[in-house]
Amino acid sequence: MAGQETYQELMYQLSQVGAVKKGLARNLPPELSTGSAGVLTMLRQHGDMTMSELTDLLAVDISVTSRHVAYIADRGWIERSPNPADGRSRILCLTDAGRAVLDDASLQVADLIADRLGDWDDGDLHELIRLVTKLRDSLGTCRPATPCPTQNPTDHSRTTTSS
């Protein structure tokens, strides 16, 4: 079994990946913030949902979700319709225009990654994808409500880095 130093190095490298992710986000179109892209991505991956469901998936405060939803709705990238199950809430639905802006942004960032990793062997790329997928599956969301298996829920001295 790996020692504590190995896991600390992994944590450090993951924080560096987070910094790379932020750098990649700077290549999004100016009208598409990372938060808005996140909302569009969740709707594309999970389908229509309520604001509460989206907030849970994004693991942010409802006010943050509300701000992003208002912004992208004003641009016609999503539609908000009454929830037939609960008239007090709305169902959020990705529009064709939302899919198009997300697809364009995804292609732009993928092109940048392809340019930077162009000298990588295909096998290495596939192995990286496999390992990152395995890491994501093993770690899950690691939200405070359900602590990571390695985190002591009463130990608040640890700091985490966001991506």
N, C-alpha and C. Protein backbone atom coordinates (compact mmCIF):
# COMPACT_ATOMS: atom_id res chain seq x y z
N MET A 1 0.85 -1.18 0.00
CA MET A 1 0.00 0.00 0.00
C MET A 1 0.89 1.24 0.00
N ALA A 2 0.49 2.23 -0.75
CA ALA A 2 1.26 3.46 -0.87
C ALA A 2 1.28 4.20 0.47
N GLY A 3 2.36 4.94 0.68
CA GLY A 3 2.49 5.73 1.90
C GLY A 3 1.81 7.07 1.80
N GLN A 4 1.71 7.75 2.91
CA GLN A 4 1.06 9.06 3.00
C GLN A 4 1.69 10.06 2.03
N GLU A 5 3.01 9.99 1.85
CA GLU A 5 3.68 10.92 0.95
C GLU A 5 3.19 10.77 -0.49
N THR A 6 2.90 9.55 -0.88
CA THR A 6 2.40 9.29 -2.23
C THR A 6 1.04 9.95 -2.42
N TYR A 7 0.17 9.83 -1.43
CA TYR A 7 -1.16 10.45 -1.54
C TYR A 7 -1.07 11.97 -1.49
N GLN A 8 -0.11 12.48 -0.73
CA GLN A 8 0.09 13.93 -0.71
C GLN A 8 0.59 14.43 -2.06
N GLU A 9 1.47 13.66 -2.70
CA GLU A 9 1.95 14.02 -4.03
C GLU A 9 0.80 13.98 -5.04
N LEU A 10 -0.05 12.97 -4.92
CA LEU A 10 -1.22 12.90 -5.80
C LEU A 10 -2.11 14.11 -5.59
N MET A 11 -2.35 14.48 -4.34
CA MET A 11 -3.18 15.65 -4.06
C MET A 11 -2.57 16.91 -4.69
N TYR A 12 -1.25 17.05 -4.58
CA TYR A 12 -0.57 18.19 -5.17
C TYR A 12 -0.75 18.18 -6.70
N GLN A 13 -0.53 17.03 -7.32
CA GLN A 13 -0.65 16.95 -8.78
C GLN A 13 -2.08 17.23 -9.23
N LEU A 14 -3.06 16.79 -8.45
CA LEU A 14 -4.45 17.09 -8.79
C LEU A 14 -4.72 18.59 -8.71
N SER A 15 -4.12 19.26 -7.72
CA SER A 15 -4.31 20.72 -7.65
C SER A 15 -3.67 21.39 -8.86
N GLN A 16 -2.57 20.84 -9.35
CA GLN A 16 -1.94 21.38 -10.55
C GLN A 16 -2.81 21.14 -11.78
N VAL A 17 -3.48 19.99 -11.83
CA VAL A 17 -4.42 19.72 -12.92
C VAL A 17 -5.56 20.73 -12.86
N GLY A 18 -5.99 21.07 -11.65
CA GLY A 18 -7.03 22.10 -11.49
C GLY A 18 -6.58 23.42 -12.08
N ALA A 19 -5.31 23.77 -11.88
CA ALA A 19 -4.77 25.01 -12.45
C ALA A 19 -4.76 24.94 -13.98
N VAL A 20 -4.41 23.77 -14.52
CA VAL A 20 -4.44 23.59 -15.97
C VAL A 20 -5.87 23.73 -16.49
N LYS A 21 -6.83 23.15 -15.76
CA LYS A 21 -8.24 23.24 -16.14
C LYS A 21 -8.69 24.70 -16.20
N LYS A 22 -8.26 25.49 -15.21
CA LYS A 22 -8.60 26.92 -15.22
C LYS A 22 -7.97 27.62 -16.42
N GLY A 23 -6.75 27.22 -16.75
CA GLY A 23 -6.10 27.79 -17.93
C GLY A 23 -6.83 27.44 -19.21
N LEU A 24 -7.29 26.21 -19.31
CA LEU A 24 -8.07 25.80 -20.48
C LEU A 24 -9.37 26.60 -20.58
N ALA A 25 -9.97 26.87 -19.42
CA ALA A 25 -11.24 27.61 -19.41
C ALA A 25 -11.06 29.02 -19.95
N ARG A 26 -9.85 29.56 -19.87
CA ARG A 26 -9.61 30.90 -20.42
C ARG A 26 -9.74 30.91 -21.94
N ASN A 27 -9.78 29.73 -22.53
CA ASN A 27 -9.91 29.61 -23.97
C ASN A 27 -11.36 29.45 -24.41
N LEU A 28 -12.28 29.49 -23.46
CA LEU A 28 -13.70 29.46 -23.82
C LEU A 28 -14.07 30.78 -24.48
N PRO A 29 -15.12 30.78 -25.30
CA PRO A 29 -15.58 32.05 -25.87
C PRO A 29 -15.91 33.03 -24.75
N PRO A 30 -15.66 34.33 -24.96
CA PRO A 30 -15.86 35.32 -23.89
C PRO A 30 -17.27 35.33 -23.30
N GLU A 31 -18.26 34.99 -24.09
CA GLU A 31 -19.64 35.01 -23.59
C GLU A 31 -20.01 33.77 -22.78
N LEU A 32 -19.10 32.79 -22.73
CA LEU A 32 -19.39 31.54 -22.03
C LEU A 32 -18.42 31.37 -20.86
N SER A 33 -18.89 31.69 -19.66
CA SER A 33 -18.06 31.51 -18.46
C SER A 33 -17.96 30.03 -18.14
N THR A 34 -17.01 29.67 -17.28
CA THR A 34 -16.88 28.27 -16.89
C THR A 34 -18.13 27.80 -16.14
N GLY A 35 -18.72 28.69 -15.33
CA GLY A 35 -19.93 28.32 -14.61
C GLY A 35 -21.09 28.05 -15.56
N SER A 36 -21.24 28.90 -16.55
CA SER A 36 -22.31 28.70 -17.53
C SER A 36 -22.06 27.43 -18.34
N ALA A 37 -20.80 27.19 -18.69
CA ALA A 37 -20.47 25.96 -19.41
C ALA A 37 -20.78 24.74 -18.54
N GLY A 38 -20.54 24.85 -17.24
CA GLY A 38 -20.85 23.76 -16.33
C GLY A 38 -22.34 23.46 -16.28
N VAL A 39 -23.15 24.50 -16.26
CA VAL A 39 -24.60 24.32 -16.24
C VAL A 39 -25.05 23.64 -17.54
N LEU A 40 -24.58 24.13 -18.67
CA LEU A 40 -24.96 23.54 -19.95
C LEU A 40 -24.51 22.08 -20.04
N THR A 41 -23.31 21.81 -19.54
CA THR A 41 -22.79 20.45 -19.57
C THR A 41 -23.65 19.51 -18.73
N MET A 42 -24.04 19.95 -17.54
CA MET A 42 -24.89 19.11 -16.67
C MET A 42 -26.22 18.82 -17.34
N LEU A 43 -26.79 19.82 -17.98
CA LEU A 43 -28.08 19.61 -18.66
C LEU A 43 -27.92 18.66 -19.85
N ARG A 44 -26.80 18.76 -20.55
CA ARG A 44 -26.58 17.84 -21.67
C ARG A 44 -26.36 16.41 -21.15
N GLN A 45 -25.60 16.27 -20.07
CA GLN A 45 -25.29 14.94 -19.55
C GLN A 45 -26.47 14.28 -18.85
N HIS A 46 -27.25 15.07 -18.11
CA HIS A 46 -28.29 14.50 -17.24
C HIS A 46 -29.72 14.77 -17.70
N GLY A 47 -29.88 15.61 -18.72
CA GLY A 47 -31.22 15.92 -19.21
C GLY A 47 -31.91 17.00 -18.40
N ASP A 48 -33.17 17.22 -18.71
CA ASP A 48 -33.96 18.27 -18.06
C ASP A 48 -34.00 18.04 -16.56
N MET A 49 -33.98 19.14 -15.80
CA MET A 49 -34.01 19.02 -14.34
C MET A 49 -34.43 20.33 -13.72
N THR A 50 -34.72 20.26 -12.43
CA THR A 50 -35.08 21.46 -11.68
C THR A 50 -33.81 22.19 -11.24
N MET A 51 -34.00 23.42 -10.80
CA MET A 51 -32.89 24.22 -10.29
C MET A 51 -32.25 23.53 -9.08
N SER A 52 -33.05 22.94 -8.21
CA SER A 52 -32.51 22.24 -7.04
C SER A 52 -31.64 21.05 -7.44
N GLU A 53 -32.12 20.28 -8.40
CA GLU A 53 -31.33 19.14 -8.87
C GLU A 53 -30.01 19.60 -9.48
N LEU A 54 -30.08 20.67 -10.26
CA LEU A 54 -28.87 21.21 -10.87
C LEU A 54 -27.90 21.72 -9.81
N THR A 55 -28.42 22.40 -8.82
CA THR A 55 -27.58 22.90 -7.72
C THR A 55 -26.87 21.76 -7.02
N ASP A 56 -27.58 20.67 -6.78
CA ASP A 56 -26.97 19.50 -6.14
C ASP A 56 -25.85 18.92 -7.01
N LEU A 57 -26.10 18.81 -8.30
CA LEU A 57 -25.08 18.26 -9.20
C LEU A 57 -23.84 19.15 -9.27
N LEU A 58 -24.06 20.45 -9.26
CA LEU A 58 -22.94 21.38 -9.35
C LEU A 58 -22.22 21.56 -8.01
N ALA A 59 -22.89 21.18 -6.93
CA ALA A 59 -22.33 21.32 -5.57
C ALA A 59 -21.96 22.77 -5.27
N VAL A 60 -22.89 23.67 -5.60
CA VAL A 60 -22.72 25.10 -5.32
C VAL A 60 -23.97 25.62 -4.63
N ASP A 61 -23.93 26.86 -4.18
CA ASP A 61 -25.08 27.50 -3.56
C ASP A 61 -26.14 27.79 -4.62
N ILE A 62 -27.39 27.75 -4.23
CA ILE A 62 -28.50 28.01 -5.16
C ILE A 62 -28.38 29.38 -5.82
N SER A 63 -27.82 30.36 -5.11
CA SER A 63 -27.68 31.70 -5.69
C SER A 63 -26.72 31.68 -6.88
N VAL A 64 -25.69 30.85 -6.80
CA VAL A 64 -24.74 30.73 -7.90
C VAL A 64 -25.43 30.08 -9.10
N THR A 65 -26.16 29.01 -8.84
CA THR A 65 -26.89 28.34 -9.92
C THR A 65 -27.89 29.29 -10.55
N SER A 66 -28.61 30.03 -9.72
CA SER A 66 -29.63 30.96 -10.21
C SER A 66 -29.01 32.02 -11.13
N ARG A 67 -27.87 32.53 -10.75
CA ARG A 67 -27.20 33.55 -11.56
C ARG A 67 -26.80 32.99 -12.92
N HIS A 68 -26.23 31.78 -12.94
CA HIS A 68 -25.83 31.18 -14.21
C HIS A 68 -27.05 30.83 -15.06
N VAL A 69 -28.08 30.32 -14.43
CA VAL A 69 -29.29 29.96 -15.17
C VAL A 69 -29.92 31.20 -15.80
N ALA A 70 -29.99 32.29 -15.06
CA ALA A 70 -30.55 33.53 -15.62
C ALA A 70 -29.74 34.01 -16.82
N TYR A 71 -28.44 33.96 -16.71
CA TYR A 71 -27.54 34.41 -17.78
C TYR A 71 -27.74 33.58 -19.04
N ILE A 72 -27.74 32.25 -18.90
CA ILE A 72 -27.84 31.42 -20.10
C ILE A 72 -29.27 31.38 -20.65
N ALA A 73 -30.26 31.57 -19.80
CA ALA A 73 -31.64 31.66 -20.28
C ALA A 73 -31.83 32.93 -21.11
N ASP A 74 -31.22 34.04 -20.67
CA ASP A 74 -31.31 35.30 -21.42
C ASP A 74 -30.70 35.18 -22.81
N ARG A 75 -29.76 34.28 -22.97
CA ARG A 75 -29.11 34.08 -24.26
C ARG A 75 -29.81 33.01 -25.11
N GLY A 76 -30.85 32.39 -24.56
CA GLY A 76 -31.60 31.37 -25.30
C GLY A 76 -30.93 30.02 -25.31
N TRP A 77 -29.97 29.79 -24.40
CA TRP A 77 -29.27 28.51 -24.37
C TRP A 77 -30.03 27.46 -23.57
N ILE A 78 -30.94 27.89 -22.71
CA ILE A 78 -31.83 26.98 -22.00
C ILE A 78 -33.22 27.59 -21.99
N GLU A 79 -34.20 26.75 -21.73
CA GLU A 79 -35.58 27.20 -21.51
C GLU A 79 -35.99 26.79 -20.11
N ARG A 80 -36.79 27.64 -19.48
CA ARG A 80 -37.35 27.33 -18.16
C ARG A 80 -38.85 27.19 -18.34
N SER A 81 -39.38 26.04 -17.99
CA SER A 81 -40.81 25.82 -18.12
C SER A 81 -41.38 25.36 -16.78
N PRO A 82 -42.68 25.57 -16.57
CA PRO A 82 -43.28 25.14 -15.30
C PRO A 82 -43.09 23.64 -15.07
N ASN A 83 -42.86 23.29 -13.83
CA ASN A 83 -42.71 21.90 -13.45
C ASN A 83 -44.11 21.33 -13.21
N PRO A 84 -44.55 20.36 -14.00
CA PRO A 84 -45.90 19.81 -13.82
C PRO A 84 -46.08 19.12 -12.47
N ALA A 85 -44.98 18.65 -11.88
CA ALA A 85 -45.06 17.96 -10.59
C ALA A 85 -45.10 18.94 -9.41
N ASP A 86 -44.60 20.17 -9.63
CA ASP A 86 -44.53 21.16 -8.57
C ASP A 86 -44.56 22.54 -9.20
N GLY A 87 -45.71 23.19 -9.16
CA GLY A 87 -45.89 24.48 -9.81
C GLY A 87 -44.98 25.57 -9.30
N ARG A 88 -44.34 25.37 -8.16
CA ARG A 88 -43.44 26.40 -7.61
C ARG A 88 -42.06 26.37 -8.25
N SER A 89 -41.73 25.29 -8.93
CA SER A 89 -40.39 25.19 -9.53
C SER A 89 -40.48 25.15 -11.04
N ARG A 90 -39.34 25.25 -11.67
CA ARG A 90 -39.23 25.23 -13.13
C ARG A 90 -38.34 24.08 -13.55
N ILE A 91 -38.62 23.59 -14.75
CA ILE A 91 -37.78 22.57 -15.37
C ILE A 91 -36.85 23.30 -16.34
N LEU A 92 -35.56 23.00 -16.24
CA LEU A 92 -34.55 23.60 -17.11
C LEU A 92 -34.26 22.64 -18.24
N CYS A 93 -34.24 23.16 -19.45
CA CYS A 93 -34.06 22.33 -20.64
C CYS A 93 -33.06 22.99 -21.57
N LEU A 94 -32.07 22.24 -22.00
CA LEU A 94 -31.06 22.73 -22.93
C LEU A 94 -31.71 22.92 -24.31
N THR A 95 -31.44 24.06 -24.94
CA THR A 95 -31.97 24.33 -26.28
C THR A 95 -30.94 23.93 -27.33
N ASP A 96 -31.37 23.94 -28.58
CA ASP A 96 -30.43 23.68 -29.68
C ASP A 96 -29.32 24.71 -29.69
N ALA A 97 -29.65 25.96 -29.41
CA ALA A 97 -28.62 27.01 -29.35
C ALA A 97 -27.63 26.74 -28.22
N GLY A 98 -28.11 26.24 -27.10
CA GLY A 98 -27.23 25.88 -25.98
C GLY A 98 -26.31 24.73 -26.34
N ARG A 99 -26.86 23.74 -27.04
CA ARG A 99 -26.03 22.61 -27.48
C ARG A 99 -24.95 23.10 -28.44
N ALA A 100 -25.34 24.00 -29.33
CA ALA A 100 -24.39 24.50 -30.33
C ALA A 100 -23.24 25.29 -29.68
N VAL A 101 -23.56 26.17 -28.72
CA VAL A 101 -22.50 26.95 -28.08
C VAL A 101 -21.59 26.04 -27.25
N LEU A 102 -22.17 25.04 -26.61
CA LEU A 102 -21.38 24.09 -25.83
C LEU A 102 -20.51 23.22 -26.74
N ASP A 103 -21.07 22.76 -27.85
CA ASP A 103 -20.29 21.96 -28.80
C ASP A 103 -19.13 22.77 -29.37
N ASP A 104 -19.38 24.02 -29.74
CA ASP A 104 -18.31 24.87 -30.28
C ASP A 104 -17.20 25.08 -29.25
N ALA A 105 -17.59 25.35 -28.01
CA ALA A 105 -16.60 25.57 -26.95
C ALA A 105 -15.81 24.29 -26.68
N SER A 106 -16.50 23.15 -26.67
CA SER A 106 -15.83 21.87 -26.43
C SER A 106 -14.81 21.58 -27.52
N LEU A 107 -15.18 21.84 -28.76
CA LEU A 107 -14.26 21.61 -29.88
C LEU A 107 -13.04 22.53 -29.77
N GLN A 108 -13.27 23.76 -29.39
CA GLN A 108 -12.18 24.73 -29.25
C GLN A 108 -11.17 24.27 -28.19
N VAL A 109 -11.66 23.84 -27.04
CA VAL A 109 -10.77 23.38 -25.97
C VAL A 109 -10.13 22.05 -26.36
N ALA A 110 -10.88 21.15 -26.99
CA ALA A 110 -10.31 19.87 -27.44
C ALA A 110 -9.20 20.09 -28.45
N ASP A 111 -9.36 21.07 -29.33
CA ASP A 111 -8.31 21.39 -30.30
C ASP A 111 -7.05 21.87 -29.59
N LEU A 112 -7.21 22.67 -28.56
CA LEU A 112 -6.06 23.15 -27.80
C LEU A 112 -5.35 21.98 -27.11
N ILE A 113 -6.13 21.09 -26.50
CA ILE A 113 -5.54 19.92 -25.84
C ILE A 113 -4.83 19.04 -26.87
N ALA A 114 -5.45 18.84 -28.02
CA ALA A 114 -4.84 18.03 -29.08
C ALA A 114 -3.52 18.65 -29.53
N ASP A 115 -3.48 19.97 -29.61
CA ASP A 115 -2.25 20.65 -30.00
C ASP A 115 -1.15 20.44 -28.96
N ARG A 116 -1.51 20.55 -27.68
CA ARG A 116 -0.52 20.43 -26.60
C ARG A 116 -0.08 18.99 -26.38
N LEU A 117 -0.95 18.03 -26.68
CA LEU A 117 -0.62 16.62 -26.44
C LEU A 117 -0.36 15.87 -27.75
N GLY A 118 -0.12 16.61 -28.81
CA GLY A 118 0.08 16.01 -30.13
C GLY A 118 1.25 15.04 -30.20
N ASP A 119 2.24 15.21 -29.32
CA ASP A 119 3.39 14.31 -29.35
C ASP A 119 3.22 13.09 -28.45
N TRP A 120 2.06 12.98 -27.79
CA TRP A 120 1.78 11.81 -26.94
C TRP A 120 1.40 10.63 -27.81
N ASP A 121 1.80 9.47 -27.38
CA ASP A 121 1.42 8.22 -28.01
C ASP A 121 -0.07 7.95 -27.74
N ASP A 122 -0.78 7.42 -28.72
CA ASP A 122 -2.21 7.11 -28.55
C ASP A 122 -2.45 6.20 -27.35
N GLY A 123 -1.57 5.22 -27.15
CA GLY A 123 -1.71 4.31 -26.02
C GLY A 123 -1.62 5.05 -24.69
N ASP A 124 -0.69 6.02 -24.61
CA ASP A 124 -0.56 6.82 -23.39
C ASP A 124 -1.82 7.64 -23.13
N LEU A 125 -2.38 8.22 -24.19
CA LEU A 125 -3.62 9.00 -24.03
C LEU A 125 -4.76 8.13 -23.53
N HIS A 126 -4.90 6.95 -24.11
CA HIS A 126 -5.97 6.05 -23.69
C HIS A 126 -5.74 5.56 -22.25
N GLU A 127 -4.49 5.35 -21.88
CA GLU A 127 -4.17 4.94 -20.52
C GLU A 127 -4.48 6.07 -19.53
N LEU A 128 -4.16 7.29 -19.92
CA LEU A 128 -4.49 8.45 -19.07
C LEU A 128 -6.00 8.56 -18.87
N ILE A 129 -6.75 8.42 -19.93
CA ILE A 129 -8.22 8.47 -19.83
C ILE A 129 -8.72 7.37 -18.91
N ARG A 130 -8.18 6.17 -19.06
CA ARG A 130 -8.59 5.05 -18.23
C ARG A 130 -8.29 5.33 -16.75
N LEU A 131 -7.10 5.83 -16.47
CA LEU A 131 -6.70 6.07 -15.08
C LEU A 131 -7.47 7.25 -14.46
N VAL A 132 -7.69 8.30 -15.23
CA VAL A 132 -8.46 9.43 -14.70
C VAL A 132 -9.90 9.00 -14.43
N THR A 133 -10.46 8.19 -15.30
CA THR A 133 -11.81 7.65 -15.09
C THR A 133 -11.85 6.80 -13.83
N LYS A 134 -10.85 5.95 -13.66
CA LYS A 134 -10.78 5.11 -12.46
C LYS A 134 -10.64 5.97 -11.20
N LEU A 135 -9.82 7.01 -11.27
CA LEU A 135 -9.64 7.92 -10.14
C LEU A 135 -10.95 8.61 -9.79
N ARG A 136 -11.63 9.13 -10.80
CA ARG A 136 -12.92 9.80 -10.58
C ARG A 136 -13.93 8.85 -9.96
N ASP A 137 -13.99 7.64 -10.48
CA ASP A 137 -14.93 6.66 -9.94
C ASP A 137 -14.60 6.30 -8.49
N SER A 138 -13.31 6.19 -8.19
CA SER A 138 -12.90 5.84 -6.82
C SER A 138 -13.15 6.96 -5.83
N LEU A 139 -12.90 8.19 -6.24
CA LEU A 139 -13.07 9.32 -5.33
C LEU A 139 -14.51 9.79 -5.24
N GLY A 140 -15.29 9.57 -6.29
CA GLY A 140 -16.66 10.08 -6.29
C GLY A 140 -16.65 11.59 -6.17
N THR A 141 -17.65 12.14 -5.51
CA THR A 141 -17.72 13.59 -5.37
C THR A 141 -16.96 14.10 -4.16
N CYS A 142 -16.77 13.24 -3.16
CA CYS A 142 -16.08 13.62 -1.91
C CYS A 142 -16.67 14.88 -1.31
N ARG A 143 -17.97 15.01 -1.39
CA ARG A 143 -18.64 16.16 -0.78
C ARG A 143 -18.63 16.03 0.73
N PRO A 144 -18.65 17.16 1.44
CA PRO A 144 -18.64 17.10 2.91
C PRO A 144 -19.77 16.28 3.51
N ALA A 145 -20.93 16.23 2.89
CA ALA A 145 -22.06 15.47 3.44
C ALA A 145 -21.73 13.99 3.53
N THR A 146 -20.93 13.51 2.61
CA THR A 146 -20.48 12.12 2.64
C THR A 146 -18.96 12.14 2.48
N PRO A 147 -18.23 12.21 3.59
CA PRO A 147 -16.78 12.35 3.51
C PRO A 147 -16.12 11.24 2.71
N CYS A 148 -14.99 11.58 2.10
CA CYS A 148 -14.19 10.57 1.43
C CYS A 148 -13.80 9.51 2.44
N PRO A 149 -13.64 8.29 2.02
CA PRO A 149 -13.27 7.23 2.97
C PRO A 149 -11.98 7.54 3.73
N THR A 150 -11.07 8.28 3.12
CA THR A 150 -9.80 8.57 3.77
C THR A 150 -9.85 9.81 4.64
N GLN A 151 -10.96 10.54 4.61
CA GLN A 151 -11.05 11.78 5.38
C GLN A 151 -11.82 11.54 6.68
N ASN A 152 -11.25 11.99 7.76
CA ASN A 152 -11.90 11.92 9.06
C ASN A 152 -12.93 13.05 9.12
N PRO A 153 -14.23 12.76 9.25
CA PRO A 153 -15.26 13.81 9.20
C PRO A 153 -15.10 14.85 10.29
N THR A 154 -14.39 14.54 11.37
CA THR A 154 -14.22 15.54 12.42
C THR A 154 -12.92 16.31 12.28
N ASP A 155 -12.09 15.97 11.29
CA ASP A 155 -10.82 16.65 11.07
C ASP A 155 -11.03 17.82 10.11
N HIS A 156 -11.15 19.02 10.64
CA HIS A 156 -11.40 20.20 9.81
C HIS A 156 -10.10 20.93 9.49
N SER A 157 -8.98 20.38 9.90
CA SER A 157 -7.70 21.05 9.66
C SER A 157 -7.20 20.87 8.24
N ARG A 158 -7.73 19.87 7.53
CA ARG A 158 -7.28 19.64 6.16
C ARG A 158 -7.81 20.71 5.24
N THR A 159 -6.99 21.08 4.30
CA THR A 159 -7.44 22.01 3.29
C THR A 159 -7.59 21.24 1.99
N THR A 160 -8.56 21.64 1.23
CA THR A 160 -8.76 21.00 -0.07
C THR A 160 -8.59 22.05 -1.14
N THR A 161 -8.27 21.60 -2.31
CA THR A 161 -8.14 22.51 -3.44
C THR A 161 -9.29 22.27 -4.37
N SER A 162 -9.75 23.31 -5.00
CA SER A 162 -10.85 23.15 -5.95
C SER A 162 -10.29 23.16 -7.34
N SER A 163 -11.01 22.54 -8.25
CA SER A 163 -10.57 22.50 -9.63
C SER A 163 -11.36 23.44 -10.47
